[in-house]
Amino acid sequence: MSEDATSLPDHWIEAVIEDHIDFIDYRGKTPEKIESGMRLITAKNVKKGFLQLEPREFVDPAIYEDWMTRGIPNKGDVLFTTEAPLGNVAQLDTDEKVVFAQRIIIMQPDPEVLDSTFVKYMLLSGFMQRRIQDKGTGATAKGIKSKLLKKIPLAFPDTVAEQKRIVSILDEAFSAIAKAKENAEKNLANARELFESYLNRVFTQQGPGWQEPEIQEHIEFIDYRGKTPKKIESGMRLITAKNVKKGFLQLKPQEFVDPAIYDEWMTRGIPQKGDVLFTTEAPLGNVAQLDTADKVVFAQRIIIMQPDHEKIDPTFLKFALLSSAMQQRIQDRGTGATAKGIKSKLLKQVPIPFPGSLKEQREHVEVFESLWATRNRLETIYTKKLANLDELKQSLLQKAFTGQLTTQLAEAAL
């Protein structure tokens, strides 16, 4: 029952999870994985409302009888992740034998009392997610103990037929929402592709009068990597690699240092507004421009690039480094297994294409910035639409589990 509701609808009943749902719990057991064999399902496969194939992991089929001694899951059983993350919910999507491990509880509702899909939707609803989170423990990765999960209260129609009616309405509504999300995501991808395809075409086709020297020929580096200033609650802005995104400088996280350290700290060079900022690892290859003339302090995985303004326009340099051709050249020179990075001396040797004419560079910049602005505007629109669709989904779940949902309400919402 929703905390916002004052009373149960007619013919709804209250219970706690353990009253009508059995648990099969393989947590704490870790089977040996092999290259191929019987499908292994872990918490990594369980998402919000669906079971994801990736990552595909397998165990030896010969272990099945010895391993699955705590209970045999059936198609349609509800899968619930108890930590990392807490509260993802899906249903088992196959009749084939599968093996479970790692942070999953399998829920088997009494079919005489509860419809399994109804339980899945109920556990995904906002108010049930809040109840689950409230019972969770742990500082870094919140989880929930089985005995606490079993005591969480539920409210549901007293007939499985009515539950199935609600499920049917939600299925239809969510199918329409999924289609709308698919269209929004396609439009978002198209908006990004429009900018990226033009940018890449310019830097791959080039034209007469283009040059391709190494970066170090016309661009100076200011490098504060390896130095870590002491941070304080407020003061002078500190910019790290976490602030540098693909094409823009992000304010968050907002970190600060004591302004008194500026002269002693910034001895390797003073950045200027418009200088190009480049992340050398974690991630490799993010690029932005310094957006302020105020004094700022740099550290952590950033190289500041100062082009010779008689040779290269700084904004053109930013877009050049963002192009897939340059990104590929940079990645090819990167090293490292877990977090790829690039050494300064190797970055300096990367060839960079640009027109010899500053006028032509600035003409390209004008088009780049126009397409970039269009891309960002459309991204804002479609990102908001996706968020609205997620809110609509939660609104429908809220109505469903407070007894308010009817076919007419669902159609009106869509």
Protein backbone atom coordinates (compact mmCIF):
# COMPACT_ATOMS: atom_id res chain seq x y z
CA MET A 1 0.00 0.00 0.00
CA SER A 2 1.34 3.46 -0.83
CA GLU A 3 2.35 5.68 2.08
CA ASP A 4 0.30 8.39 0.34
CA ALA A 5 -2.95 6.45 0.52
CA THR A 6 -5.25 6.57 3.56
CA SER A 7 -7.07 3.25 3.13
CA LEU A 8 -7.04 0.11 1.05
CA PRO A 9 -9.41 -0.16 -1.92
CA ASP A 10 -12.24 -2.66 -1.62
CA HIS A 11 -11.18 -6.28 -2.01
CA TRP A 12 -7.50 -5.53 -1.38
CA ILE A 13 -5.63 -7.31 1.40
CA GLU A 14 -2.42 -6.71 3.32
CA ALA A 15 0.33 -9.16 4.09
CA VAL A 16 4.10 -9.29 4.43
CA ILE A 17 6.29 -10.81 1.73
CA GLU A 18 6.95 -14.07 3.56
CA ASP A 19 3.22 -14.80 4.00
CA HIS A 20 2.74 -15.76 0.35
CA ILE A 21 6.18 -15.79 -1.28
CA ASP A 22 8.86 -18.49 -0.85
CA PHE A 23 12.54 -17.61 -1.20
CA ILE A 24 15.22 -19.65 -2.97
CA ASP A 25 18.56 -18.20 -1.97
CA TYR A 26 21.88 -19.16 -3.57
CA ARG A 27 23.79 -16.19 -2.22
CA GLY A 28 27.16 -16.97 -0.74
CA LYS A 29 27.76 -19.81 -3.18
CA THR A 30 30.09 -19.25 -6.12
CA PRO A 31 30.21 -21.90 -8.86
CA GLU A 32 33.29 -22.33 -10.98
CA LYS A 33 32.81 -20.71 -14.37
CA ILE A 34 33.83 -22.20 -17.70
CA GLU A 35 33.94 -20.98 -21.30
CA SER A 36 30.64 -22.55 -22.34
CA GLY A 37 28.01 -24.80 -20.84
CA MET A 38 24.94 -24.17 -18.69
CA ARG A 39 23.77 -20.58 -18.31
CA LEU A 40 24.77 -18.86 -15.05
CA ILE A 41 22.60 -15.97 -13.88
CA THR A 42 24.05 -13.44 -11.45
CA ALA A 43 22.98 -10.02 -10.19
CA LYS A 44 24.77 -8.49 -13.17
CA ASN A 45 22.07 -9.93 -15.45
CA VAL A 46 19.08 -8.65 -13.45
CA LYS A 47 17.98 -5.14 -14.47
CA LYS A 48 14.97 -2.96 -13.68
CA GLY A 49 12.17 -5.09 -15.08
CA PHE A 50 14.08 -7.39 -17.41
CA LEU A 51 16.75 -10.07 -17.52
CA GLN A 52 19.80 -9.14 -19.58
CA LEU A 53 21.84 -11.79 -21.40
CA GLU A 54 25.14 -9.98 -20.96
CA PRO A 55 27.46 -10.83 -19.36
CA ARG A 56 27.16 -14.39 -20.63
CA GLU A 57 28.66 -16.73 -18.05
CA PHE A 58 28.56 -20.51 -17.87
CA VAL A 59 29.10 -23.48 -15.56
CA ASP A 60 29.58 -27.19 -16.13
CA PRO A 61 26.12 -28.82 -16.57
CA ALA A 62 27.39 -31.77 -14.53
CA ILE A 63 27.25 -29.67 -11.33
CA TYR A 64 23.52 -28.93 -11.63
CA GLU A 65 22.13 -31.66 -9.34
CA ASP A 66 24.75 -31.09 -6.65
CA TRP A 67 24.52 -27.30 -6.89
CA MET A 68 20.81 -26.57 -7.10
CA THR A 69 19.88 -28.18 -3.77
CA ARG A 70 18.18 -25.13 -2.25
CA GLY A 71 15.33 -25.13 -4.74
CA ILE A 72 14.61 -25.26 -8.48
CA PRO A 73 13.51 -21.98 -10.13
CA ASN A 74 10.73 -22.01 -12.70
CA LYS A 75 10.05 -19.78 -15.68
CA GLY A 76 8.27 -16.64 -14.46
CA ASP A 77 9.81 -16.71 -10.96
CA VAL A 78 10.74 -13.25 -9.71
CA LEU A 79 14.47 -12.48 -9.41
CA PHE A 80 15.53 -9.87 -6.86
CA THR A 81 19.02 -8.42 -6.35
CA THR A 82 19.85 -7.94 -2.69
CA GLU A 83 22.93 -5.74 -3.19
CA ALA A 84 25.17 -4.10 -5.80
CA PRO A 85 22.59 -3.00 -6.82
CA LEU A 86 19.83 -3.38 -4.26
CA GLY A 87 16.31 -3.77 -5.64
CA ASN A 88 16.64 -4.73 -9.30
CA VAL A 89 13.76 -7.02 -10.27
CA ALA A 90 13.09 -9.28 -13.27
CA GLN A 91 11.47 -12.62 -14.11
CA LEU A 92 13.17 -15.82 -15.17
CA ASP A 93 12.66 -15.99 -18.93
CA THR A 94 13.36 -19.64 -19.72
CA ASP A 95 12.24 -23.21 -18.94
CA GLU A 96 15.78 -24.43 -19.49
CA LYS A 97 17.95 -25.42 -16.56
CA VAL A 98 20.01 -22.50 -15.28
CA VAL A 99 22.29 -21.98 -12.29
CA PHE A 100 22.08 -19.05 -9.89
CA ALA A 101 24.64 -17.34 -7.69
CA GLN A 102 25.81 -13.92 -6.49
CA ARG A 103 23.39 -11.57 -4.79
CA ILE A 104 20.06 -12.93 -6.11
CA ILE A 105 17.02 -14.17 -4.25
CA ILE A 106 14.48 -16.09 -6.33
CA MET A 107 10.91 -15.38 -5.25
CA GLN A 108 8.17 -17.95 -5.85
CA PRO A 109 4.72 -16.49 -5.10
CA ASP A 110 1.87 -18.79 -4.12
CA PRO A 111 -0.01 -18.96 -7.46
CA GLU A 112 -3.33 -19.23 -5.61
CA VAL A 113 -2.74 -15.83 -4.02
CA LEU A 114 -0.28 -13.79 -6.11
CA ASP A 115 0.47 -13.48 -9.81
CA SER A 116 4.24 -13.49 -10.40
CA THR A 117 4.22 -10.63 -12.91
CA PHE A 118 2.07 -8.59 -10.54
CA VAL A 119 4.75 -9.16 -7.87
CA LYS A 120 7.47 -8.03 -10.28
CA TYR A 121 5.66 -4.78 -11.06
CA MET A 122 4.84 -4.21 -7.40
CA LEU A 123 8.50 -4.56 -6.38
CA LEU A 124 9.48 -2.08 -9.11
CA SER A 125 7.03 0.57 -7.89
CA GLY A 126 8.44 3.64 -6.23
CA PHE A 127 6.89 3.09 -2.82
CA MET A 128 8.09 -0.55 -2.65
CA GLN A 129 11.58 0.50 -3.74
CA ARG A 130 11.59 3.06 -0.92
CA ARG A 131 10.53 0.42 1.60
CA ILE A 132 13.30 -1.88 0.39
CA GLN A 133 15.93 0.87 0.51
CA ASP A 134 14.80 1.88 4.00
CA LYS A 135 15.50 -1.65 5.22
CA GLY A 136 18.91 -1.75 3.54
CA THR A 137 22.18 -1.58 5.41
CA GLY A 138 25.77 -0.86 4.47
CA ALA A 139 27.81 2.26 3.84
CA THR A 140 29.47 1.68 0.46
CA ALA A 141 27.16 -0.91 -1.15
CA LYS A 142 23.73 -1.02 0.45
CA GLY A 143 22.14 -4.45 0.77
CA ILE A 144 19.19 -6.05 2.50
CA LYS A 145 19.10 -9.10 4.73
CA SER A 146 16.70 -11.87 3.78
CA LYS A 147 14.92 -11.78 7.15
CA LEU A 148 14.21 -8.03 6.74
CA LEU A 149 13.07 -8.40 3.13
CA LYS A 150 10.59 -11.08 4.15
CA LYS A 151 8.91 -8.69 6.62
CA ILE A 152 8.21 -5.88 4.14
CA PRO A 153 4.44 -5.32 3.83
CA LEU A 154 2.47 -5.72 0.61
CA ALA A 155 -1.06 -4.80 -0.48
CA PHE A 156 -2.81 -6.49 -3.40
CA PRO A 157 -6.23 -7.41 -4.84
CA ASP A 158 -7.73 -10.49 -3.22
CA THR A 159 -8.14 -12.30 -6.55
CA VAL A 160 -5.44 -13.35 -8.97
CA ALA A 161 -7.84 -12.49 -11.80
CA GLU A 162 -7.88 -8.80 -10.75
CA GLN A 163 -4.09 -8.84 -10.42
CA LYS A 164 -3.83 -10.22 -13.96
CA ARG A 165 -6.18 -7.47 -15.19
CA ILE A 166 -3.85 -4.86 -13.70
CA VAL A 167 -0.83 -6.63 -15.22
CA SER A 168 -2.53 -6.59 -18.64
CA ILE A 169 -3.08 -2.82 -18.39
CA LEU A 170 0.52 -2.24 -17.29
CA ASP A 171 1.91 -4.49 -20.03
CA GLU A 172 0.02 -2.54 -22.69
CA ALA A 173 0.98 0.84 -21.24
CA PHE A 174 4.64 -0.13 -20.79
CA SER A 175 4.81 -1.46 -24.33
CA ALA A 176 3.70 1.96 -25.59
CA ILE A 177 6.20 3.68 -23.29
CA ALA A 178 8.99 1.38 -24.50
CA LYS A 179 8.16 2.28 -28.11
CA ALA A 180 8.18 5.99 -27.28
CA LYS A 181 11.54 5.59 -25.52
CA GLU A 182 12.94 3.71 -28.51
CA ASN A 183 11.92 6.55 -30.82
CA ALA A 184 13.37 9.20 -28.47
CA GLU A 185 16.63 7.27 -28.21
CA LYS A 186 16.84 6.98 -32.01
CA ASN A 187 16.25 10.72 -32.37
CA LEU A 188 18.90 11.38 -29.75
CA ALA A 189 21.36 9.14 -31.59
CA ASN A 190 20.54 10.89 -34.88
CA ALA A 191 21.18 14.30 -33.32
CA ARG A 192 24.61 13.16 -32.16
CA GLU A 193 25.36 11.49 -35.48
CA LEU A 194 24.60 14.66 -37.45
CA PHE A 195 27.34 16.56 -35.62
CA GLU A 196 29.85 13.72 -35.47
CA SER A 197 29.51 12.73 -39.12
CA TYR A 198 30.09 16.31 -40.31
CA LEU A 199 33.05 16.74 -37.96
CA ASN A 200 34.64 13.49 -39.10
CA ARG A 201 34.05 14.28 -42.77
CA VAL A 202 35.94 17.57 -42.43
CA PHE A 203 38.95 15.91 -40.82
CA THR A 204 39.10 12.89 -43.10
CA GLN A 205 38.47 14.62 -46.45
CA GLN A 206 40.46 17.77 -45.54
CA GLY A 207 41.20 19.92 -48.56
CA PRO A 208 43.84 22.02 -50.33
CA GLY A 209 46.16 23.93 -48.02
CA TRP A 210 45.81 21.55 -45.08
CA GLN A 211 48.85 20.65 -42.99
CA GLU A 212 49.50 17.68 -40.72
CA PRO A 213 52.43 18.40 -38.37
CA GLU A 214 52.95 16.75 -35.00
CA ILE A 215 51.05 18.35 -32.12
CA GLN A 216 54.28 19.58 -30.50
CA GLU A 217 55.19 21.79 -33.47
CA HIS A 218 52.55 24.46 -32.77
CA ILE A 219 51.09 23.60 -29.36
CA GLU A 220 52.65 24.10 -25.93
CA PHE A 221 51.77 21.80 -23.04
CA ILE A 222 51.18 22.85 -19.44
CA ASP A 223 51.18 19.71 -17.34
CA TYR A 224 50.16 19.58 -13.66
CA ARG A 225 49.71 15.82 -13.56
CA GLY A 226 51.25 14.07 -10.59
CA LYS A 227 50.64 17.03 -8.30
CA THR A 228 47.72 16.89 -5.88
CA PRO A 229 46.78 20.07 -4.02
CA LYS A 230 45.06 19.91 -0.65
CA LYS A 231 41.33 20.49 -1.07
CA ILE A 232 39.19 22.67 1.19
CA GLU A 233 35.46 23.37 1.55
CA SER A 234 35.49 26.62 -0.45
CA GLY A 235 38.01 28.88 -2.11
CA MET A 236 39.67 28.86 -5.54
CA ARG A 237 38.21 26.54 -8.19
CA LEU A 238 40.10 23.29 -8.75
CA ILE A 239 39.70 21.62 -12.15
CA THR A 240 40.46 17.93 -12.51
CA ALA A 241 39.83 15.31 -15.19
CA LYS A 242 36.40 14.68 -13.61
CA ASN A 243 35.29 18.12 -14.86
CA VAL A 244 36.45 17.65 -18.47
CA LYS A 245 33.83 16.02 -20.69
CA LYS A 246 33.52 15.46 -24.44
CA GLY A 247 33.42 19.04 -25.70
CA PHE A 248 32.57 20.93 -22.52
CA LEU A 249 33.75 21.72 -19.01
CA GLN A 250 31.41 20.52 -16.27
CA LEU A 251 31.13 22.37 -12.95
CA LYS A 252 30.50 19.25 -10.88
CA PRO A 253 32.23 18.01 -8.88
CA GLN A 254 32.95 21.46 -7.42
CA GLU A 255 36.28 21.26 -5.61
CA PHE A 256 38.36 24.04 -4.11
CA VAL A 257 41.83 24.91 -2.86
CA ASP A 258 43.24 27.70 -0.73
CA PRO A 259 43.82 30.79 -2.99
CA ALA A 260 47.04 31.45 -1.07
CA ILE A 261 48.72 28.47 -2.76
CA TYR A 262 48.18 29.80 -6.29
CA ASP A 263 51.59 31.43 -6.95
CA GLU A 264 53.55 28.53 -5.45
CA TRP A 265 51.40 25.89 -7.14
CA MET A 266 51.00 27.23 -10.67
CA THR A 267 54.70 27.34 -11.51
CA ARG A 268 54.49 25.16 -14.64
CA GLY A 269 52.47 27.71 -16.59
CA ILE A 270 49.36 29.87 -16.34
CA PRO A 271 46.33 28.72 -18.33
CA GLN A 272 44.28 31.29 -20.24
CA LYS A 273 40.59 31.38 -21.05
CA GLY A 274 40.05 29.34 -24.23
CA ASP A 275 43.00 27.01 -23.65
CA VAL A 276 42.24 23.41 -24.58
CA LEU A 277 42.04 20.88 -21.74
CA PHE A 278 42.86 17.25 -22.52
CA THR A 279 42.45 14.24 -20.21
CA THR A 280 45.32 11.80 -20.50
CA GLU A 281 43.66 8.88 -18.67
CA ALA A 282 40.50 7.77 -16.85
CA PRO A 283 39.16 8.67 -19.36
CA LEU A 284 41.64 9.14 -22.16
CA GLY A 285 40.76 11.78 -24.74
CA ASN A 286 38.09 14.02 -23.22
CA VAL A 287 38.52 17.56 -24.53
CA ALA A 288 37.13 20.96 -23.48
CA GLN A 289 38.14 24.61 -23.30
CA LEU A 290 38.81 26.65 -20.20
CA ASP A 291 35.68 28.75 -19.78
CA THR A 292 36.86 31.46 -17.40
CA ALA A 293 39.46 34.20 -17.08
CA ASP A 294 39.41 33.78 -13.29
CA LYS A 295 42.37 32.16 -11.62
CA VAL A 296 41.91 28.39 -11.32
CA VAL A 297 44.13 25.54 -10.17
CA PHE A 298 44.72 22.33 -12.13
CA ALA A 299 45.61 18.79 -11.13
CA GLN A 300 44.90 15.12 -11.85
CA ARG A 301 45.24 13.76 -15.37
CA ILE A 302 44.90 16.99 -17.40
CA ILE A 303 47.23 18.52 -19.94
CA ILE A 304 46.52 22.15 -20.89
CA MET A 305 47.22 22.84 -24.55
CA GLN A 306 48.14 26.36 -25.67
CA PRO A 307 48.28 26.56 -29.46
CA ASP A 308 50.26 29.20 -31.33
CA HIS A 309 47.39 31.57 -32.15
CA GLU A 310 49.03 32.53 -35.43
CA LYS A 311 48.85 28.91 -36.56
CA ILE A 312 45.87 27.22 -34.87
CA ASP A 313 42.60 28.60 -33.55
CA PRO A 314 42.02 27.11 -30.03
CA THR A 315 38.38 26.21 -30.71
CA PHE A 316 39.37 24.54 -33.98
CA LEU A 317 41.93 22.57 -31.98
CA LYS A 318 39.22 21.42 -29.57
CA PHE A 319 37.02 20.13 -32.39
CA ALA A 320 40.01 18.53 -34.15
CA LEU A 321 40.83 16.56 -31.00
CA LEU A 322 37.18 15.50 -30.69
CA SER A 323 37.06 14.09 -34.23
CA SER A 324 37.07 10.31 -34.53
CA ALA A 325 40.21 10.43 -36.68
CA MET A 326 42.19 12.17 -33.92
CA GLN A 327 40.58 10.14 -31.16
CA GLN A 328 41.69 6.96 -32.93
CA ARG A 329 45.25 8.23 -33.32
CA ILE A 330 45.34 9.07 -29.62
CA GLN A 331 43.86 5.73 -28.54
CA ASP A 332 46.35 3.87 -30.75
CA ARG A 333 49.20 5.42 -28.78
CA GLY A 334 47.59 4.76 -25.42
CA THR A 335 48.94 2.18 -23.00
CA GLY A 336 47.57 0.34 -20.00
CA ALA A 337 45.36 -2.70 -19.50
CA THR A 338 42.68 -1.52 -17.05
CA ALA A 339 42.72 2.26 -17.57
CA LYS A 340 44.30 3.31 -20.86
CA GLY A 341 46.40 6.47 -20.79
CA ILE A 342 48.86 8.30 -23.00
CA LYS A 343 52.31 9.61 -22.17
CA SER A 344 52.98 13.28 -22.85
CA LYS A 345 55.89 12.53 -25.20
CA LEU A 346 53.69 10.22 -27.31
CA LEU A 347 50.81 12.69 -27.39
CA LYS A 348 53.14 15.39 -28.66
CA GLN A 349 54.08 13.19 -31.62
CA VAL A 350 50.50 12.63 -32.82
CA PRO A 351 49.97 14.29 -36.25
CA ILE A 352 47.14 16.82 -36.25
CA PRO A 353 45.43 18.01 -39.47
CA PHE A 354 44.37 21.64 -39.92
CA PRO A 355 44.01 24.23 -42.71
CA GLY A 356 46.97 26.54 -43.03
CA SER A 357 44.57 29.49 -43.15
CA LEU A 358 43.19 30.77 -39.82
CA LYS A 359 40.29 32.22 -41.77
CA GLU A 360 39.34 28.76 -43.05
CA GLN A 361 39.74 27.28 -39.55
CA ARG A 362 37.33 29.88 -38.15
CA GLU A 363 34.85 29.24 -40.95
CA HIS A 364 34.86 25.57 -39.96
CA VAL A 365 34.50 26.53 -36.28
CA GLU A 366 31.40 28.58 -37.09
CA VAL A 367 29.74 25.51 -38.66
CA PHE A 368 30.99 23.18 -35.89
CA GLU A 369 29.57 25.41 -33.18
CA SER A 370 26.23 25.75 -34.94
CA LEU A 371 25.89 21.97 -35.27
CA TRP A 372 27.14 21.53 -31.71
CA ALA A 373 24.46 23.90 -30.40
CA THR A 374 21.77 22.03 -32.38
CA ARG A 375 23.04 18.72 -31.05
CA ASN A 376 22.95 19.97 -27.46
CA ARG A 377 19.48 21.48 -27.85
CA LEU A 378 18.08 18.23 -29.26
CA GLU A 379 19.90 16.21 -26.62
CA THR A 380 18.24 18.31 -23.92
CA ILE A 381 14.81 17.80 -25.50
CA TYR A 382 15.13 14.04 -25.91
CA THR A 383 16.82 13.49 -22.57
CA LYS A 384 13.93 15.31 -20.91
CA LYS A 385 11.44 13.22 -22.89
CA LEU A 386 13.12 10.02 -21.72
CA ALA A 387 12.98 11.25 -18.13
CA ASN A 388 9.28 12.09 -18.54
CA LEU A 389 8.58 8.60 -19.86
CA ASP A 390 10.30 7.08 -16.83
CA GLU A 391 8.18 9.32 -14.58
CA LEU A 392 5.05 8.21 -16.43
CA LYS A 393 5.99 4.59 -15.84
CA GLN A 394 6.35 5.20 -12.11
CA SER A 395 3.07 7.12 -12.06
CA LEU A 396 1.27 4.14 -13.59
CA LEU A 397 2.88 1.80 -11.07
CA GLN A 398 1.79 4.12 -8.27
CA LYS A 399 -1.80 4.02 -9.52
CA ALA A 400 -1.67 0.26 -9.97
CA PHE A 401 -0.66 -0.44 -6.40
CA THR A 402 -3.00 2.04 -4.77
CA GLY A 403 -6.01 0.54 -6.55
CA GLN A 404 -6.52 3.57 -8.81
CA LEU A 405 -5.56 2.05 -12.14
CA THR A 406 -8.19 1.50 -14.83
CA THR A 407 -7.86 1.03 -18.56
CA GLN A 408 -9.22 4.55 -19.08
CA LEU A 409 -6.61 6.07 -16.76
CA ALA A 410 -3.81 4.26 -18.52
CA GLU A 411 -5.03 5.38 -21.94
CA ALA A 412 -5.42 8.96 -20.74
CA ALA A 413 -1.90 8.96 -19.33
CA LEU A 414 -0.53 7.87 -22.70
